[in-house]
C-alpha atoms as a PDB file:
ATOM      1  CA  MET A   1     -34.131 -87.371  66.059  1.00  0.00           C
ATOM      2  CA  SER A   2     -32.272 -90.329  64.394  1.00  0.00           C
ATOM      3  CA  ASN A   3     -28.504 -91.726  66.089  1.00  0.00           C
ATOM      4  CA  ILE A   4     -27.495 -92.693  62.197  1.00  0.00           C
ATOM      5  CA  ARG A   5     -25.214 -90.502  60.563  1.00  0.00           C
ATOM      6  CA  GLU A   6     -25.139 -88.772  57.436  1.00  0.00           C
ATOM      7  CA  LEU A   7     -22.369 -89.872  55.280  1.00  0.00           C
ATOM      8  CA  ALA A   8     -20.815 -88.680  52.106  1.00  0.00           C
ATOM      9  CA  PRO A   9     -20.084 -91.529  49.624  1.00  0.00           C
ATOM     10  CA  TRP A  10     -16.334 -91.181  49.713  1.00  0.00           C
ATOM     11  CA  GLN A  11     -16.821 -91.078  53.926  1.00  0.00           C
ATOM     12  CA  GLU A  12     -18.384 -94.690  53.511  1.00  0.00           C
ATOM     13  CA  VAL A  13     -15.912 -95.972  50.864  1.00  0.00           C
ATOM     14  CA  ALA A  14     -13.426 -94.650  53.003  1.00  0.00           C
ATOM     15  CA  GLU A  15     -14.502 -96.456  56.148  1.00  0.00           C
ATOM     16  CA  ASP A  16     -15.194 -99.799  54.184  1.00  0.00           C
ATOM     17  CA  THR A  17     -11.690 -99.568  52.519  1.00  0.00           C
ATOM     18  CA  ASP A  18     -10.123 -99.638  56.590  1.00  0.00           C
ATOM     19  CA  ALA A  19     -12.325-102.136  57.553  1.00  0.00           C
ATOM     20  CA  GLY A  20     -11.582-104.477  54.983  1.00  0.00           C
ATOM     21  CA  PHE A  21      -7.725-103.792  55.683  1.00  0.00           C
ATOM     22  CA  THR A  22      -9.128-104.432  59.516  1.00  0.00           C
ATOM     23  CA  TYR A  23     -10.249-108.169  58.551  1.00  0.00           C
ATOM     24  CA  LEU A  24      -7.483-108.768  56.141  1.00  0.00           C
ATOM     25  CA  GLN A  25      -5.228-108.009  59.118  1.00  0.00           C
ATOM     26  CA  ILE A  26      -6.106-111.448  60.828  1.00  0.00           C
ATOM     27  CA  LEU A  27      -5.460-113.875  58.150  1.00  0.00           C
ATOM     28  CA  SER A  28      -2.321-115.256  58.500  1.00  0.00           C
ATOM     29  CA  ASP A  29      -1.352-115.172  54.712  1.00  0.00           C
ATOM     30  CA  VAL A  30      -1.776-111.235  54.300  1.00  0.00           C
ATOM     31  CA  ARG A  31       0.898-109.058  55.046  1.00  0.00           C
ATOM     32  CA  GLY A  32      -1.136-105.977  56.799  1.00  0.00           C
ATOM     33  CA  ASP A  33       1.910-104.004  56.991  1.00  0.00           C
ATOM     34  CA  ARG A  34       1.747-103.897  52.790  1.00  0.00           C
ATOM     35  CA  ARG A  35      -1.774-102.131  51.876  1.00  0.00           C
ATOM     36  CA  GLY A  36      -2.509-100.508  48.512  1.00  0.00           C
ATOM     37  CA  VAL A  37      -5.768 -99.503  46.454  1.00  0.00           C
ATOM     38  CA  ILE A  38      -6.480 -98.870  43.206  1.00  0.00           C
ATOM     39  CA  GLY A  39      -9.662 -97.543  41.460  1.00  0.00           C
ATOM     40  CA  PHE A  40     -11.365 -96.299  37.931  1.00  0.00           C
ATOM     41  CA  CYS A  41     -13.780 -93.777  37.446  1.00  0.00           C
ATOM     42  CA  TRP A  42     -16.155 -93.138  40.235  1.00  0.00           C
ATOM     43  CA  GLY A  43     -13.758 -95.683  42.173  1.00  0.00           C
ATOM     44  CA  GLY A  44     -10.744 -94.291  41.225  1.00  0.00           C
ATOM     45  CA  GLU A  45     -12.188 -90.916  42.805  1.00  0.00           C
ATOM     46  CA  MET A  46     -13.042 -92.981  46.266  1.00  0.00           C
ATOM     47  CA  THR A  47      -9.423 -94.586  45.486  1.00  0.00           C
ATOM     48  CA  PHE A  48      -8.353 -90.896  46.138  1.00  0.00           C
ATOM     49  CA  TRP A  49     -10.542 -89.776  48.888  1.00  0.00           C
ATOM     50  CA  ALA A  50      -9.622 -92.661  50.521  1.00  0.00           C
ATOM     51  CA  ALA A  51      -6.278 -92.021  50.413  1.00  0.00           C
ATOM     52  CA  THR A  52      -6.925 -88.940  52.561  1.00  0.00           C
ATOM     53  CA  GLN A  53      -8.964 -90.964  55.241  1.00  0.00           C
ATOM     54  CA  VAL A  54      -7.102 -94.610  55.691  1.00  0.00           C
ATOM     55  CA  PRO A  55      -4.115 -94.860  57.503  1.00  0.00           C
ATOM     56  CA  GLY A  56      -0.927 -97.169  56.960  1.00  0.00           C
ATOM     57  CA  LEU A  57      -2.031 -96.633  53.070  1.00  0.00           C
ATOM     58  CA  ARG A  58       1.516 -97.723  50.751  1.00  0.00           C
ATOM     59  CA  ALA A  59       0.251 -96.945  47.793  1.00  0.00           C
ATOM     60  CA  ALA A  60      -2.841 -95.572  45.655  1.00  0.00           C
ATOM     61  CA  VAL A  61      -3.354 -95.763  42.041  1.00  0.00           C
ATOM     62  CA  VAL A  62      -6.359 -93.286  40.405  1.00  0.00           C
ATOM     63  CA  PHE A  63      -7.916 -94.122  36.897  1.00  0.00           C
ATOM     64  CA  TYR A  64      -9.336 -91.215  35.759  1.00  0.00           C
ATOM     65  CA  GLY A  65     -10.352 -89.961  39.201  1.00  0.00           C
ATOM     66  CA  ARG A  66     -11.546 -86.672  40.418  1.00  0.00           C
ATOM     67  CA  SER A  67      -9.348 -85.145  43.199  1.00  0.00           C
ATOM     68  CA  PRO A  68     -10.640 -84.758  46.651  1.00  0.00           C
ATOM     69  CA  LYS A  69     -12.649 -81.567  48.148  1.00  0.00           C
ATOM     70  CA  PRO A  70     -11.478 -79.491  49.446  1.00  0.00           C
ATOM     71  CA  ILE A  71      -8.446 -80.314  48.018  1.00  0.00           C
ATOM     72  CA  GLU A  72      -6.188 -79.650  51.273  1.00  0.00           C
ATOM     73  CA  LEU A  73      -7.249 -82.501  52.307  1.00  0.00           C
ATOM     74  CA  VAL A  74      -4.310 -84.385  50.740  1.00  0.00           C
ATOM     75  CA  LYS A  75      -2.192 -83.065  53.771  1.00  0.00           C
ATOM     76  CA  HIS A  76      -3.462 -86.425  55.560  1.00  0.00           C
ATOM     77  CA  ILE A  77      -2.462 -88.801  52.370  1.00  0.00           C
ATOM     78  CA  GLU A  78       0.562 -91.283  53.652  1.00  0.00           C
ATOM     79  CA  ALA A  79       1.196 -93.281  50.199  1.00  0.00           C
ATOM     80  CA  PRO A  80       2.256 -92.003  47.035  1.00  0.00           C
ATOM     81  CA  VAL A  81      -0.330 -91.711  44.887  1.00  0.00           C
ATOM     82  CA  MET A  82       0.216 -92.580  41.307  1.00  0.00           C
ATOM     83  CA  ALA A  83      -3.235 -91.164  38.494  1.00  0.00           C
ATOM     84  CA  HIS A  84      -3.683 -91.747  34.833  1.00  0.00           C
ATOM     85  CA  TYR A  85      -5.650 -89.405  32.835  1.00  0.00           C
ATOM     86  CA  GLY A  86      -6.767 -89.404  29.406  1.00  0.00           C
ATOM     87  CA  GLU A  87      -5.931 -86.231  27.305  1.00  0.00           C
ATOM     88  CA  LYS A  88      -9.541 -86.147  25.769  1.00  0.00           C
ATOM     89  CA  ASP A  89     -11.126 -85.821  29.650  1.00  0.00           C
ATOM     90  CA  PRO A  90     -11.743 -82.529  30.653  1.00  0.00           C
ATOM     91  CA  GLY A  91     -14.205 -83.015  33.152  1.00  0.00           C
ATOM     92  CA  VAL A  92     -11.374 -85.047  35.290  1.00  0.00           C
ATOM     93  CA  ASN A  93      -8.316 -83.164  34.280  1.00  0.00           C
ATOM     94  CA  GLN A  94      -9.543 -79.665  35.169  1.00  0.00           C
ATOM     95  CA  ASP A  95      -8.391 -80.230  38.537  1.00  0.00           C
ATOM     96  CA  ILE A  96      -4.740 -81.988  38.199  1.00  0.00           C
ATOM     97  CA  PRO A  97      -3.029 -78.559  38.198  1.00  0.00           C
ATOM     98  CA  SER A  98      -4.531 -77.520  42.011  1.00  0.00           C
ATOM     99  CA  THR A  99      -3.806 -81.280  42.924  1.00  0.00           C
ATOM    100  CA  GLU A 100      -0.729 -80.761  41.730  1.00  0.00           C
ATOM    101  CA  GLU A 101      -0.053 -78.218  43.770  1.00  0.00           C
ATOM    102  CA  ALA A 102      -1.529 -78.992  46.511  1.00  0.00           C
ATOM    103  CA  MET A 103       0.323 -82.808  47.117  1.00  0.00           C
ATOM    104  CA  LYS A 104       3.399 -80.149  46.383  1.00  0.00           C
ATOM    105  CA  LYS A 105       2.694 -77.835  49.552  1.00  0.00           C
ATOM    106  CA  PHE A 106       2.065 -80.802  51.883  1.00  0.00           C
ATOM    107  CA  ASN A 107       5.128 -82.737  50.569  1.00  0.00           C
ATOM    108  CA  LYS A 108       3.378 -85.543  48.978  1.00  0.00           C
ATOM    109  CA  PRO A 109       4.352 -88.100  46.455  1.00  0.00           C
ATOM    110  CA  TYR A 110       2.050 -87.297  43.371  1.00  0.00           C
ATOM    111  CA  THR A 111       3.171 -89.106  39.971  1.00  0.00           C
ATOM    112  CA  TYR A 112       0.553 -88.540  37.249  1.00  0.00           C
ATOM    113  CA  LYS A 113       0.224 -88.709  33.463  1.00  0.00           C
ATOM    114  CA  ILE A 114      -2.059 -87.616  30.906  1.00  0.00           C
ATOM    115  CA  TYR A 115      -2.315 -90.257  28.182  1.00  0.00           C
ATOM    116  CA  PRO A 116      -2.058 -88.614  24.471  1.00  0.00           C
ATOM    117  CA  GLY A 117      -5.571 -89.734  22.470  1.00  0.00           C
ATOM    118  CA  ALA A 118      -6.872 -91.347  25.400  1.00  0.00           C
ATOM    119  CA  GLN A 119     -10.371 -90.768  26.807  1.00  0.00           C
ATOM    120  CA  HIS A 120     -12.128 -90.839  29.713  1.00  0.00           C
ATOM    121  CA  GLY A 121     -12.096 -95.374  30.530  1.00  0.00           C
ATOM    122  CA  PHE A 122      -9.178 -95.525  28.167  1.00  0.00           C
ATOM    123  CA  TYR A 123      -8.400 -98.661  30.138  1.00  0.00           C
ATOM    124  CA  ASN A 124     -12.179-100.603  29.237  1.00  0.00           C
ATOM    125  CA  GLU A 125     -11.365-103.097  26.830  1.00  0.00           C
ATOM    126  CA  ALA A 126     -15.256-103.649  26.652  1.00  0.00           C
ATOM    127  CA  ASN A 127     -15.753-100.235  25.661  1.00  0.00           C
ATOM    128  CA  PRO A 128     -14.087-100.156  22.562  1.00  0.00           C
ATOM    129  CA  GLU A 129     -14.611 -96.347  21.356  1.00  0.00           C
ATOM    130  CA  ARG A 130     -13.075 -95.600  24.509  1.00  0.00           C
ATOM    131  CA  TYR A 131     -10.503 -98.168  24.492  1.00  0.00           C
ATOM    132  CA  HIS A 132      -6.814 -97.076  23.908  1.00  0.00           C
ATOM    133  CA  PRO A 133      -4.437-100.054  24.098  1.00  0.00           C
ATOM    134  CA  GLU A 134      -1.230 -98.488  24.439  1.00  0.00           C
ATOM    135  CA  ALA A 135      -2.142 -95.757  27.413  1.00  0.00           C
ATOM    136  CA  ALA A 136      -3.508 -98.796  28.915  1.00  0.00           C
ATOM    137  CA  ARG A 137      -0.672-101.036  28.452  1.00  0.00           C
ATOM    138  CA  GLU A 138       1.565 -98.231  29.790  1.00  0.00           C
ATOM    139  CA  ALA A 139      -0.621 -97.275  33.096  1.00  0.00           C
ATOM    140  CA  TRP A 140      -0.957-100.835  34.036  1.00  0.00           C
ATOM    141  CA  SER A 141       2.961-101.606  33.878  1.00  0.00           C
ATOM    142  CA  LYS A 142       3.424 -98.252  35.687  1.00  0.00           C
ATOM    143  CA  THR A 143       0.768 -99.545  38.240  1.00  0.00           C
ATOM    144  CA  LEU A 144       2.531-102.854  38.380  1.00  0.00           C
ATOM    145  CA  ASP A 145       5.901-101.254  39.378  1.00  0.00           C
ATOM    146  CA  LEU A 146       4.494 -98.964  42.324  1.00  0.00           C
ATOM    147  CA  PHE A 147       3.033-102.097  43.673  1.00  0.00           C
ATOM    148  CA  ARG A 148       6.076-104.089  43.435  1.00  0.00           C
ATOM    149  CA  LYS A 149       8.332-101.585  45.169  1.00  0.00           C
ATOM    150  CA  ARG A 150       6.126-100.458  47.518  1.00  0.00           C
ATOM    151  CA  LEU A 151       3.910-103.816  48.809  1.00  0.00           C
ATOM    152  CA  HIS A 152       6.617-106.476  47.647  1.00  0.00           C
ATOM    153  CA  GLY A 153       9.803-104.607  48.145  1.00  0.00           C
ATOM    154  CA  THR A 154      11.641-103.057  50.858  1.00  0.00           C
ATOM    155  CA  VAL A 155      10.586 -99.827  50.708  1.00  0.00           C
END
């Protein structure tokens, strides 16, 4: 019998994220009380999962990432979650209504936008077939606004 724990990828990412923040707290030029996470695609999904497990987060931004399952895990989220979705991404978007419902049920701040005409990966300018410059600019602007408010401000 092995002592090695079997972790799902999202559990490993959450543990690594928490460990990274623990390390950053020892650095003199880092504010340990202003922690945020962001992820795109699979990283967006991992960001959403990490938000359910990592205490002390002040902002989480998900770019076209799937929601945690079971969705009730969102009850552990401490940070506002902002999500950006492309209209032409039915595989990811199918969970938006249940996610919104669960976030409301557990009184968790959740804002999202579905960008008209945008596909999955709309922020990736290296993929001209999917890149949607208007959606990318708006999503990034909203992301920076949230980070300024939650990570630099007094909230």
